[in-house]
Amino acid sequence: MTMSTHYEPSEPTRAEMEAMDGPAVLEFGTPWCGHCQAAQPHLEAALDTHPEVPHIKIEDGKGKPLGRSFKVKLWPTLVFLRDGQEINRLVRPINDRTIREALASITA
């Protein structure tokens, strides 16, 4: 799967995330967040090396249950899952190297 370019306004449930098989990356943020916008080229470069990994962009905000269940405090927050379990997390990544390393932790 290629990188998602828009945030999903309706979010999946935590149970749906925990039921996923294989690796996945959840990206919590908003379209208007400057930190989220700045991270996009790095995220795209890293995800291009792992096209098999689903990338799910979740529009987060106050009272959004999925973000709260993952204890998201800052945007963007990337949660790296394998078989529905959190393996790694990056908050406000500033380069593609750290994203690639986190991807390696769920694809190895």
PDB file of N, CA and C in Angstrom:
ATOM      1  N   MET A   1       0.846  -1.167   0.000  1.00  0.00           N
ATOM      2  CA  MET A   1       0.000   0.000   0.000  1.00  0.00           C
ATOM      3  C   MET A   1       0.895   1.235   0.000  1.00  0.00           C
ATOM      4  N   THR A   2       0.513   2.216  -0.756  1.00  0.00           N
ATOM      5  CA  THR A   2       1.287   3.451  -0.780  1.00  0.00           C
ATOM      6  C   THR A   2       0.842   4.368   0.352  1.00  0.00           C
ATOM      7  N   MET A   3       1.586   5.426   0.527  1.00  0.00           N
ATOM      8  CA  MET A   3       1.298   6.371   1.599  1.00  0.00           C
ATOM      9  C   MET A   3      -0.064   7.027   1.384  1.00  0.00           C
ATOM     10  N   SER A   4      -0.845   7.095   2.442  1.00  0.00           N
ATOM     11  CA  SER A   4      -2.114   7.810   2.393  1.00  0.00           C
ATOM     12  C   SER A   4      -1.824   9.303   2.367  1.00  0.00           C
ATOM     13  N   THR A   5      -2.578  10.029   1.577  1.00  0.00           N
ATOM     14  CA  THR A   5      -2.328  11.462   1.463  1.00  0.00           C
ATOM     15  C   THR A   5      -3.355  12.319   2.183  1.00  0.00           C
ATOM     16  N   HIS A   6      -4.395  11.708   2.715  1.00  0.00           N
ATOM     17  CA  HIS A   6      -5.384  12.500   3.453  1.00  0.00           C
ATOM     18  C   HIS A   6      -5.749  11.794   4.751  1.00  0.00           C
ATOM     19  N   TYR A   7      -6.113  12.608   5.728  1.00  0.00           N
ATOM     20  CA  TYR A   7      -6.510  12.078   7.030  1.00  0.00           C
ATOM     21  C   TYR A   7      -7.946  11.593   6.964  1.00  0.00           C
ATOM     22  N   GLU A   8      -8.173  10.422   7.530  1.00  0.00           N
ATOM     23  CA  GLU A   8      -9.521   9.862   7.589  1.00  0.00           C
ATOM     24  C   GLU A   8     -10.294  10.560   8.706  1.00  0.00           C
ATOM     25  N   PRO A   9     -11.420  11.195   8.395  1.00  0.00           N
ATOM     26  CA  PRO A   9     -12.183  11.870   9.443  1.00  0.00           C
ATOM     27  C   PRO A   9     -12.888  10.898  10.389  1.00  0.00           C
ATOM     28  N   SER A  10     -13.246   9.714   9.879  1.00  0.00           N
ATOM     29  CA  SER A  10     -13.839   8.701  10.750  1.00  0.00           C
ATOM     30  C   SER A  10     -12.762   7.664  11.041  1.00  0.00           C
ATOM     31  N   GLU A  11     -12.627   7.363  12.292  1.00  0.00           N
ATOM     32  CA  GLU A  11     -11.530   6.488  12.694  1.00  0.00           C
ATOM     33  C   GLU A  11     -12.011   5.070  12.949  1.00  0.00           C
ATOM     34  N   PRO A  12     -11.120   4.099  12.714  1.00  0.00           N
ATOM     35  CA  PRO A  12     -11.458   2.725  13.092  1.00  0.00           C
ATOM     36  C   PRO A  12     -11.453   2.602  14.619  1.00  0.00           C
ATOM     37  N   THR A  13     -11.942   1.496  15.104  1.00  0.00           N
ATOM     38  CA  THR A  13     -11.932   1.270  16.544  1.00  0.00           C
ATOM     39  C   THR A  13     -10.606   0.660  16.969  1.00  0.00           C
ATOM     40  N   ARG A  14     -10.335   0.725  18.248  1.00  0.00           N
ATOM     41  CA  ARG A  14      -9.121   0.095  18.785  1.00  0.00           C
ATOM     42  C   ARG A  14      -9.173  -1.413  18.540  1.00  0.00           C
ATOM     43  N   ALA A  15     -10.359  -2.001  18.686  1.00  0.00           N
ATOM     44  CA  ALA A  15     -10.517  -3.442  18.453  1.00  0.00           C
ATOM     45  C   ALA A  15     -10.173  -3.801  17.005  1.00  0.00           C
ATOM     46  N   GLU A  16     -10.550  -2.954  16.051  1.00  0.00           N
ATOM     47  CA  GLU A  16     -10.208  -3.209  14.646  1.00  0.00           C
ATOM     48  C   GLU A  16      -8.693  -3.142  14.440  1.00  0.00           C
ATOM     49  N   MET A  17      -8.039  -2.209  15.110  1.00  0.00           N
ATOM     50  CA  MET A  17      -6.585  -2.096  15.003  1.00  0.00           C
ATOM     51  C   MET A  17      -5.900  -3.323  15.615  1.00  0.00           C
ATOM     52  N   GLU A  18      -6.392  -3.771  16.759  1.00  0.00           N
ATOM     53  CA  GLU A  18      -5.805  -4.935  17.429  1.00  0.00           C
ATOM     54  C   GLU A  18      -6.043  -6.227  16.657  1.00  0.00           C
ATOM     55  N   ALA A  19      -7.047  -6.246  15.793  1.00  0.00           N
ATOM     56  CA  ALA A  19      -7.360  -7.445  15.005  1.00  0.00           C
ATOM     57  C   ALA A  19      -6.568  -7.510  13.696  1.00  0.00           C
ATOM     58  N   MET A  20      -5.791  -6.472  13.386  1.00  0.00           N
ATOM     59  CA  MET A  20      -5.030  -6.446  12.136  1.00  0.00           C
ATOM     60  C   MET A  20      -3.931  -7.507  12.142  1.00  0.00           C
ATOM     61  N   ASP A  21      -3.695  -8.078  10.972  1.00  0.00           N
ATOM     62  CA  ASP A  21      -2.589  -9.024  10.790  1.00  0.00           C
ATOM     63  C   ASP A  21      -1.442  -8.301  10.112  1.00  0.00           C
ATOM     64  N   GLY A  22      -0.223  -8.610  10.543  1.00  0.00           N
ATOM     65  CA  GLY A  22       0.954  -8.049   9.905  1.00  0.00           C
ATOM     66  C   GLY A  22       1.256  -6.632  10.358  1.00  0.00           C
ATOM     67  N   PRO A  23       2.169  -5.969   9.630  1.00  0.00           N
ATOM     68  CA  PRO A  23       2.586  -4.627  10.015  1.00  0.00           C
ATOM     69  C   PRO A  23       1.604  -3.560   9.539  1.00  0.00           C
ATOM     70  N   ALA A  24       1.582  -2.444  10.247  1.00  0.00           N
ATOM     71  CA  ALA A  24       0.785  -1.279   9.851  1.00  0.00           C
ATOM     72  C   ALA A  24       1.336  -0.058  10.566  1.00  0.00           C
ATOM     73  N   VAL A  25       1.138   1.108   9.950  1.00  0.00           N
ATOM     74  CA  VAL A  25       1.544   2.374  10.553  1.00  0.00           C
ATOM     75  C   VAL A  25       0.301   3.242  10.697  1.00  0.00           C
ATOM     76  N   LEU A  26       0.045   3.681  11.916  1.00  0.00           N
ATOM     77  CA  LEU A  26      -1.019   4.643  12.172  1.00  0.00           C
ATOM     78  C   LEU A  26      -0.370   6.007  12.319  1.00  0.00           C
ATOM     79  N   GLU A  27      -0.903   6.983  11.624  1.00  0.00           N
ATOM     80  CA  GLU A  27      -0.414   8.354  11.740  1.00  0.00           C
ATOM     81  C   GLU A  27      -1.540   9.212  12.297  1.00  0.00           C
ATOM     82  N   PHE A  28      -1.323   9.756  13.480  1.00  0.00           N
ATOM     83  CA  PHE A  28      -2.303  10.645  14.104  1.00  0.00           C
ATOM     84  C   PHE A  28      -1.871  12.085  13.881  1.00  0.00           C
ATOM     85  N   GLY A  29      -2.792  12.921  13.421  1.00  0.00           N
ATOM     86  CA  GLY A  29      -2.489  14.325  13.194  1.00  0.00           C
ATOM     87  C   GLY A  29      -3.694  15.042  12.609  1.00  0.00           C
ATOM     88  N   THR A  30      -3.438  16.196  12.013  1.00  0.00           N
ATOM     89  CA  THR A  30      -4.488  16.962  11.344  1.00  0.00           C
ATOM     90  C   THR A  30      -3.902  17.594  10.084  1.00  0.00           C
ATOM     91  N   PRO A  31      -4.750  17.930   9.118  1.00  0.00           N
ATOM     92  CA  PRO A  31      -4.241  18.528   7.889  1.00  0.00           C
ATOM     93  C   PRO A  31      -3.640  19.925   8.103  1.00  0.00           C
ATOM     94  N   TRP A  32      -4.091  20.631   9.126  1.00  0.00           N
ATOM     95  CA  TRP A  32      -3.615  22.005   9.348  1.00  0.00           C
ATOM     96  C   TRP A  32      -2.393  22.091  10.266  1.00  0.00           C
ATOM     97  N   CYS A  33      -1.937  20.984  10.812  1.00  0.00           N
ATOM     98  CA  CYS A  33      -0.802  20.957  11.747  1.00  0.00           C
ATOM     99  C   CYS A  33       0.518  21.153  10.983  1.00  0.00           C
ATOM    100  N   GLY A  34       1.272  22.184  11.338  1.00  0.00           N
ATOM    101  CA  GLY A  34       2.551  22.454  10.690  1.00  0.00           C
ATOM    102  C   GLY A  34       3.560  21.338  10.881  1.00  0.00           C
ATOM    103  N   HIS A  35       3.592  20.731  12.068  1.00  0.00           N
ATOM    104  CA  HIS A  35       4.512  19.618  12.315  1.00  0.00           C
ATOM    105  C   HIS A  35       4.140  18.421  11.441  1.00  0.00           C
ATOM    106  N   CYS A  36       2.829  18.195  11.277  1.00  0.00           N
ATOM    107  CA  CYS A  36       2.361  17.090  10.431  1.00  0.00           C
ATOM    108  C   CYS A  36       2.759  17.322   8.978  1.00  0.00           C
ATOM    109  N   GLN A  37       2.590  18.543   8.508  1.00  0.00           N
ATOM    110  CA  GLN A  37       2.956  18.879   7.132  1.00  0.00           C
ATOM    111  C   GLN A  37       4.458  18.708   6.912  1.00  0.00           C
ATOM    112  N   ALA A  38       5.256  19.138   7.873  1.00  0.00           N
ATOM    113  CA  ALA A  38       6.710  19.037   7.747  1.00  0.00           C
ATOM    114  C   ALA A  38       7.185  17.588   7.723  1.00  0.00           C
ATOM    115  N   ALA A  39       6.459  16.686   8.374  1.00  0.00           N
ATOM    116  CA  ALA A  39       6.858  15.278   8.441  1.00  0.00           C
ATOM    117  C   ALA A  39       6.511  14.504   7.174  1.00  0.00           C
ATOM    118  N   GLN A  40       5.619  15.014   6.348  1.00  0.00           N
ATOM    119  CA  GLN A  40       5.125  14.245   5.206  1.00  0.00           C
ATOM    120  C   GLN A  40       6.209  13.798   4.225  1.00  0.00           C
ATOM    121  N   PRO A  41       7.162  14.660   3.820  1.00  0.00           N
ATOM    122  CA  PRO A  41       8.195  14.171   2.894  1.00  0.00           C
ATOM    123  C   PRO A  41       9.041  13.043   3.494  1.00  0.00           C
ATOM    124  N   HIS A  42       9.329  13.126   4.788  1.00  0.00           N
ATOM    125  CA  HIS A  42      10.117  12.084   5.445  1.00  0.00           C
ATOM    126  C   HIS A  42       9.322  10.776   5.522  1.00  0.00           C
ATOM    127  N   LEU A  43       8.062  10.905   5.835  1.00  0.00           N
ATOM    128  CA  LEU A  43       7.198   9.729   5.922  1.00  0.00           C
ATOM    129  C   LEU A  43       7.049   9.073   4.546  1.00  0.00           C
ATOM    130  N   GLU A  44       6.859   9.888   3.533  1.00  0.00           N
ATOM    131  CA  GLU A  44       6.719   9.354   2.183  1.00  0.00           C
ATOM    132  C   GLU A  44       7.992   8.632   1.745  1.00  0.00           C
ATOM    133  N   ALA A  45       9.156   9.228   1.998  1.00  0.00           N
ATOM    134  CA  ALA A  45      10.432   8.599   1.615  1.00  0.00           C
ATOM    135  C   ALA A  45      10.610   7.256   2.316  1.00  0.00           C
ATOM    136  N   ALA A  46      10.263   7.196   3.591  1.00  0.00           N
ATOM    137  CA  ALA A  46      10.422   5.950   4.343  1.00  0.00           C
ATOM    138  C   ALA A  46       9.408   4.898   3.898  1.00  0.00           C
ATOM    139  N   LEU A  47       8.166   5.302   3.704  1.00  0.00           N
ATOM    140  CA  LEU A  47       7.137   4.338   3.307  1.00  0.00           C
ATOM    141  C   LEU A  47       7.351   3.816   1.892  1.00  0.00           C
ATOM    142  N   ASP A  48       8.006   4.598   1.045  1.00  0.00           N
ATOM    143  CA  ASP A  48       8.303   4.126  -0.311  1.00  0.00           C
ATOM    144  C   ASP A  48       9.162   2.871  -0.286  1.00  0.00           C
ATOM    145  N   THR A  49       9.946   2.685   0.782  1.00  0.00           N
ATOM    146  CA  THR A  49      10.798   1.498   0.887  1.00  0.00           C
ATOM    147  C   THR A  49      10.027   0.291   1.422  1.00  0.00           C
ATOM    148  N   HIS A  50       8.801   0.503   1.891  1.00  0.00           N
ATOM    149  CA  HIS A  50       7.963  -0.584   2.422  1.00  0.00           C
ATOM    150  C   HIS A  50       6.535  -0.455   1.888  1.00  0.00           C
ATOM    151  N   PRO A  51       6.342  -0.630   0.575  1.00  0.00           N
ATOM    152  CA  PRO A  51       4.999  -0.454   0.013  1.00  0.00           C
ATOM    153  C   PRO A  51       3.983  -1.476   0.518  1.00  0.00           C
ATOM    154  N   GLU A  52       4.464  -2.549   1.126  1.00  0.00           N
ATOM    155  CA  GLU A  52       3.555  -3.590   1.640  1.00  0.00           C
ATOM    156  C   GLU A  52       2.923  -3.226   2.979  1.00  0.00           C
ATOM    157  N   VAL A  53       3.410  -2.174   3.623  1.00  0.00           N
ATOM    158  CA  VAL A  53       2.927  -1.800   4.956  1.00  0.00           C
ATOM    159  C   VAL A  53       1.763  -0.816   4.823  1.00  0.00           C
ATOM    160  N   PRO A  54       0.581  -1.175   5.320  1.00  0.00           N
ATOM    161  CA  PRO A  54      -0.543  -0.234   5.297  1.00  0.00           C
ATOM    162  C   PRO A  54      -0.235   1.009   6.130  1.00  0.00           C
ATOM    163  N   HIS A  55      -0.613   2.156   5.591  1.00  0.00           N
ATOM    164  CA  HIS A  55      -0.440   3.448   6.265  1.00  0.00           C
ATOM    165  C   HIS A  55      -1.830   4.037   6.444  1.00  0.00           C
ATOM    166  N   ILE A  56      -2.208   4.262   7.691  1.00  0.00           N
ATOM    167  CA  ILE A  56      -3.548   4.759   8.003  1.00  0.00           C
ATOM    168  C   ILE A  56      -3.407   6.106   8.684  1.00  0.00           C
ATOM    169  N   LYS A  57      -3.897   7.161   8.027  1.00  0.00           N
ATOM    170  CA  LYS A  57      -3.839   8.513   8.570  1.00  0.00           C
ATOM    171  C   LYS A  57      -5.153   8.780   9.304  1.00  0.00           C
ATOM    172  N   ILE A  58      -5.046   9.092  10.583  1.00  0.00           N
ATOM    173  CA  ILE A  58      -6.222   9.331  11.413  1.00  0.00           C
ATOM    174  C   ILE A  58      -6.251  10.797  11.822  1.00  0.00           C
ATOM    175  N   GLU A  59      -7.318  11.484  11.471  1.00  0.00           N
ATOM    176  CA  GLU A  59      -7.478  12.868  11.927  1.00  0.00           C
ATOM    177  C   GLU A  59      -7.802  12.828  13.415  1.00  0.00           C
ATOM    178  N   ASP A  60      -6.910  13.388  14.203  1.00  0.00           N
ATOM    179  CA  ASP A  60      -7.025  13.307  15.651  1.00  0.00           C
ATOM    180  C   ASP A  60      -7.529  14.634  16.211  1.00  0.00           C
ATOM    181  N   GLY A  61      -7.948  14.606  17.435  1.00  0.00           N
ATOM    182  CA  GLY A  61      -8.412  15.808  18.110  1.00  0.00           C
ATOM    183  C   GLY A  61      -9.020  15.457  19.449  1.00  0.00           C
ATOM    184  N   LYS A  62      -9.402  16.487  20.160  1.00  0.00           N
ATOM    185  CA  LYS A  62      -9.982  16.312  21.489  1.00  0.00           C
ATOM    186  C   LYS A  62     -11.198  15.391  21.412  1.00  0.00           C
ATOM    187  N   GLY A  63     -11.203  14.410  22.298  1.00  0.00           N
ATOM    188  CA  GLY A  63     -12.337  13.500  22.386  1.00  0.00           C
ATOM    189  C   GLY A  63     -12.355  12.389  21.351  1.00  0.00           C
ATOM    190  N   LYS A  64     -11.326  12.294  20.515  1.00  0.00           N
ATOM    191  CA  LYS A  64     -11.281  11.203  19.531  1.00  0.00           C
ATOM    192  C   LYS A  64     -10.812   9.943  20.248  1.00  0.00           C
ATOM    193  N   PRO A  65     -11.639   8.896  20.283  1.00  0.00           N
ATOM    194  CA  PRO A  65     -11.319   7.724  21.099  1.00  0.00           C
ATOM    195  C   PRO A  65     -10.062   6.956  20.699  1.00  0.00           C
ATOM    196  N   LEU A  66      -9.783   6.821  19.400  1.00  0.00           N
ATOM    197  CA  LEU A  66      -8.621   6.021  19.014  1.00  0.00           C
ATOM    198  C   LEU A  66      -7.325   6.701  19.451  1.00  0.00           C
ATOM    199  N   GLY A  67      -7.215   7.991  19.215  1.00  0.00           N
ATOM    200  CA  GLY A  67      -6.030   8.724  19.657  1.00  0.00           C
ATOM    201  C   GLY A  67      -5.865   8.690  21.163  1.00  0.00           C
ATOM    202  N   ARG A  68      -6.961   8.792  21.883  1.00  0.00           N
ATOM    203  CA  ARG A  68      -6.880   8.744  23.344  1.00  0.00           C
ATOM    204  C   ARG A  68      -6.474   7.351  23.804  1.00  0.00           C
ATOM    205  N   SER A  69      -6.953   6.301  23.122  1.00  0.00           N
ATOM    206  CA  SER A  69      -6.596   4.941  23.533  1.00  0.00           C
ATOM    207  C   SER A  69      -5.105   4.668  23.331  1.00  0.00           C
ATOM    208  N   PHE A  70      -4.481   5.369  22.365  1.00  0.00           N
ATOM    209  CA  PHE A  70      -3.044   5.253  22.140  1.00  0.00           C
ATOM    210  C   PHE A  70      -2.257   6.337  22.893  1.00  0.00           C
ATOM    211  N   LYS A  71      -2.965   7.122  23.710  1.00  0.00           N
ATOM    212  CA  LYS A  71      -2.345   8.181  24.517  1.00  0.00           C
ATOM    213  C   LYS A  71      -1.559   9.180  23.671  1.00  0.00           C
ATOM    214  N   VAL A  72      -2.126   9.558  22.528  1.00  0.00           N
ATOM    215  CA  VAL A  72      -1.511  10.551  21.646  1.00  0.00           C
ATOM    216  C   VAL A  72      -1.628  11.919  22.296  1.00  0.00           C
ATOM    217  N   LYS A  73      -0.504  12.613  22.391  1.00  0.00           N
ATOM    218  CA  LYS A  73      -0.460  13.944  22.998  1.00  0.00           C
ATOM    219  C   LYS A  73      -0.012  15.011  22.006  1.00  0.00           C
ATOM    220  N   LEU A  74       0.913  14.655  21.089  1.00  0.00           N
ATOM    221  CA  LEU A  74       1.441  15.602  20.111  1.00  0.00           C
ATOM    222  C   LEU A  74       1.274  15.034  18.712  1.00  0.00           C
ATOM    223  N   TRP A  75       1.219  15.926  17.734  1.00  0.00           N
ATOM    224  CA  TRP A  75       1.089  15.512  16.335  1.00  0.00           C
ATOM    225  C   TRP A  75       2.340  15.887  15.570  1.00  0.00           C
ATOM    226  N   PRO A  76       2.692  15.130  14.570  1.00  0.00           N
ATOM    227  CA  PRO A  76       2.149  13.813  14.307  1.00  0.00           C
ATOM    228  C   PRO A  76       2.738  12.775  15.254  1.00  0.00           C
ATOM    229  N   THR A  77       1.934  11.804  15.561  1.00  0.00           N
ATOM    230  CA  THR A  77       2.411  10.622  16.283  1.00  0.00           C
ATOM    231  C   THR A  77       2.224   9.438  15.348  1.00  0.00           C
ATOM    232  N   LEU A  78       3.313   8.715  15.138  1.00  0.00           N
ATOM    233  CA  LEU A  78       3.282   7.505  14.314  1.00  0.00           C
ATOM    234  C   LEU A  78       3.346   6.305  15.239  1.00  0.00           C
ATOM    235  N   VAL A  79       2.375   5.417  15.116  1.00  0.00           N
ATOM    236  CA  VAL A  79       2.335   4.193  15.914  1.00  0.00           C
ATOM    237  C   VAL A  79       2.563   3.031  14.953  1.00  0.00           C
ATOM    238  N   PHE A  80       3.582   2.249  15.234  1.00  0.00           N
ATOM    239  CA  PHE A  80       3.972   1.125  14.382  1.00  0.00           C
ATOM    240  C   PHE A  80       3.451  -0.161  15.018  1.00  0.00           C
ATOM    241  N   LEU A  81       2.553  -0.828  14.299  1.00  0.00           N
ATOM    242  CA  LEU A  81       1.902  -2.035  14.808  1.00  0.00           C
ATOM    243  C   LEU A  81       2.384  -3.268  14.061  1.00  0.00           C
ATOM    244  N   ARG A  82       2.435  -4.372  14.770  1.00  0.00           N
ATOM    245  CA  ARG A  82       2.610  -5.690  14.157  1.00  0.00           C
ATOM    246  C   ARG A  82       1.579  -6.593  14.800  1.00  0.00           C
ATOM    247  N   ASP A  83       0.735  -7.180  13.966  1.00  0.00           N
ATOM    248  CA  ASP A  83      -0.356  -8.045  14.435  1.00  0.00           C
ATOM    249  C   ASP A  83      -1.191  -7.355  15.516  1.00  0.00           C
ATOM    250  N   GLY A  84      -1.464  -6.071  15.301  1.00  0.00           N
ATOM    251  CA  GLY A  84      -2.336  -5.318  16.189  1.00  0.00           C
ATOM    252  C   GLY A  84      -1.708  -4.812  17.472  1.00  0.00           C
ATOM    253  N   GLN A  85      -0.439  -5.083  17.686  1.00  0.00           N
ATOM    254  CA  GLN A  85       0.239  -4.660  18.915  1.00  0.00           C
ATOM    255  C   GLN A  85       1.258  -3.569  18.604  1.00  0.00           C
ATOM    256  N   GLU A  86       1.302  -2.553  19.455  1.00  0.00           N
ATOM    257  CA  GLU A  86       2.258  -1.473  19.266  1.00  0.00           C
ATOM    258  C   GLU A  86       3.672  -1.986  19.523  1.00  0.00           C
ATOM    259  N   ILE A  87       4.535  -1.791  18.530  1.00  0.00           N
ATOM    260  CA  ILE A  87       5.929  -2.208  18.622  1.00  0.00           C
ATOM    261  C   ILE A  87       6.830  -0.995  18.797  1.00  0.00           C
ATOM    262  N   ASN A  88       6.459   0.101  18.153  1.00  0.00           N
ATOM    263  CA  ASN A  88       7.287   1.290  18.178  1.00  0.00           C
ATOM    264  C   ASN A  88       6.404   2.517  18.024  1.00  0.00           C
ATOM    265  N   ARG A  89       6.969   3.692  18.345  1.00  0.00           N
ATOM    266  CA  ARG A  89       6.236   4.949  18.250  1.00  0.00           C
ATOM    267  C   ARG A  89       7.229   6.068  17.997  1.00  0.00           C
ATOM    268  N   LEU A  90       6.850   6.981  17.130  1.00  0.00           N
ATOM    269  CA  LEU A  90       7.631   8.185  16.893  1.00  0.00           C
ATOM    270  C   LEU A  90       6.711   9.394  17.037  1.00  0.00           C
ATOM    271  N   VAL A  91       7.197  10.402  17.728  1.00  0.00           N
ATOM    272  CA  VAL A  91       6.445  11.646  17.884  1.00  0.00           C
ATOM    273  C   VAL A  91       7.236  12.749  17.193  1.00  0.00           C
ATOM    274  N   ARG A  92       6.572  13.423  16.271  1.00  0.00           N
ATOM    275  CA  ARG A  92       7.176  14.512  15.506  1.00  0.00           C
ATOM    276  C   ARG A  92       8.514  14.119  14.865  1.00  0.00           C
ATOM    277  N   PRO A  93       8.497  13.090  14.028  1.00  0.00           N
ATOM    278  CA  PRO A  93       9.748  12.681  13.382  1.00  0.00           C
ATOM    279  C   PRO A  93      10.268  13.795  12.472  1.00  0.00           C
ATOM    280  N   ILE A  94      11.597  13.940  12.447  1.00  0.00           N
ATOM    281  CA  ILE A  94      12.194  15.019  11.662  1.00  0.00           C
ATOM    282  C   ILE A  94      13.091  14.520  10.530  1.00  0.00           C
ATOM    283  N   ASN A  95      13.178  13.189  10.385  1.00  0.00           N
ATOM    284  CA  ASN A  95      13.940  12.650   9.254  1.00  0.00           C
ATOM    285  C   ASN A  95      13.413  11.262   8.892  1.00  0.00           C
ATOM    286  N   ASP A  96      13.729  10.849   7.663  1.00  0.00           N
ATOM    287  CA  ASP A  96      13.213   9.548   7.223  1.00  0.00           C
ATOM    288  C   ASP A  96      14.003   8.383   7.806  1.00  0.00           C
ATOM    289  N   ARG A  97      15.222   8.616   8.280  1.00  0.00           N
ATOM    290  CA  ARG A  97      16.031   7.542   8.871  1.00  0.00           C
ATOM    291  C   ARG A  97      15.318   6.933  10.088  1.00  0.00           C
ATOM    292  N   THR A  98      14.814   7.774  10.992  1.00  0.00           N
ATOM    293  CA  THR A  98      14.149   7.244  12.189  1.00  0.00           C
ATOM    294  C   THR A  98      12.863   6.505  11.825  1.00  0.00           C
ATOM    295  N   ILE A  99      12.179   6.980  10.794  1.00  0.00           N
ATOM    296  CA  ILE A  99      10.957   6.296  10.358  1.00  0.00           C
ATOM    297  C   ILE A  99      11.303   4.947   9.748  1.00  0.00           C
ATOM    298  N   ARG A 100      12.369   4.904   8.956  1.00  0.00           N
ATOM    299  CA  ARG A 100      12.814   3.619   8.380  1.00  0.00           C
ATOM    300  C   ARG A 100      13.197   2.618   9.458  1.00  0.00           C
ATOM    301  N   GLU A 101      13.885   3.095  10.494  1.00  0.00           N
ATOM    302  CA  GLU A 101      14.262   2.209  11.600  1.00  0.00           C
ATOM    303  C   GLU A 101      13.030   1.655  12.297  1.00  0.00           C
ATOM    304  N   ALA A 102      12.034   2.512  12.518  1.00  0.00           N
ATOM    305  CA  ALA A 102      10.793   2.044  13.154  1.00  0.00           C
ATOM    306  C   ALA A 102      10.059   1.059  12.250  1.00  0.00           C
ATOM    307  N   LEU A 103      10.063   1.321  10.950  1.00  0.00           N
ATOM    308  CA  LEU A 103       9.448   0.381  10.005  1.00  0.00           C
ATOM    309  C   LEU A 103      10.146  -0.968  10.050  1.00  0.00           C
ATOM    310  N   ALA A 104      11.460  -0.948  10.165  1.00  0.00           N
ATOM    311  CA  ALA A 104      12.215  -2.206  10.249  1.00  0.00           C
ATOM    312  C   ALA A 104      11.810  -3.021  11.460  1.00  0.00           C
ATOM    313  N   SER A 105      11.415  -2.340  12.543  1.00  0.00           N
ATOM    314  CA  SER A 105      11.021  -3.053  13.757  1.00  0.00           C
ATOM    315  C   SER A 105       9.711  -3.825  13.593  1.00  0.00           C
ATOM    316  N   ILE A 106       8.899  -3.458  12.600  1.00  0.00           N
ATOM    317  CA  ILE A 106       7.626  -4.171  12.392  1.00  0.00           C
ATOM    318  C   ILE A 106       7.635  -5.067  11.175  1.00  0.00           C
ATOM    319  N   THR A 107       8.686  -4.952  10.350  1.00  0.00           N
ATOM    320  CA  THR A 107       8.727  -5.763   9.129  1.00  0.00           C
ATOM    321  C   THR A 107       9.771  -6.864   9.191  1.00  0.00           C
ATOM    322  N   ALA A 108      10.613  -6.842  10.198  1.00  0.00           N
ATOM    323  CA  ALA A 108      11.690  -7.846  10.286  1.00  0.00           C
ATOM    324  C   ALA A 108      11.164  -9.191  10.746  1.00  0.00           C
TER     325      ALA A 108
END
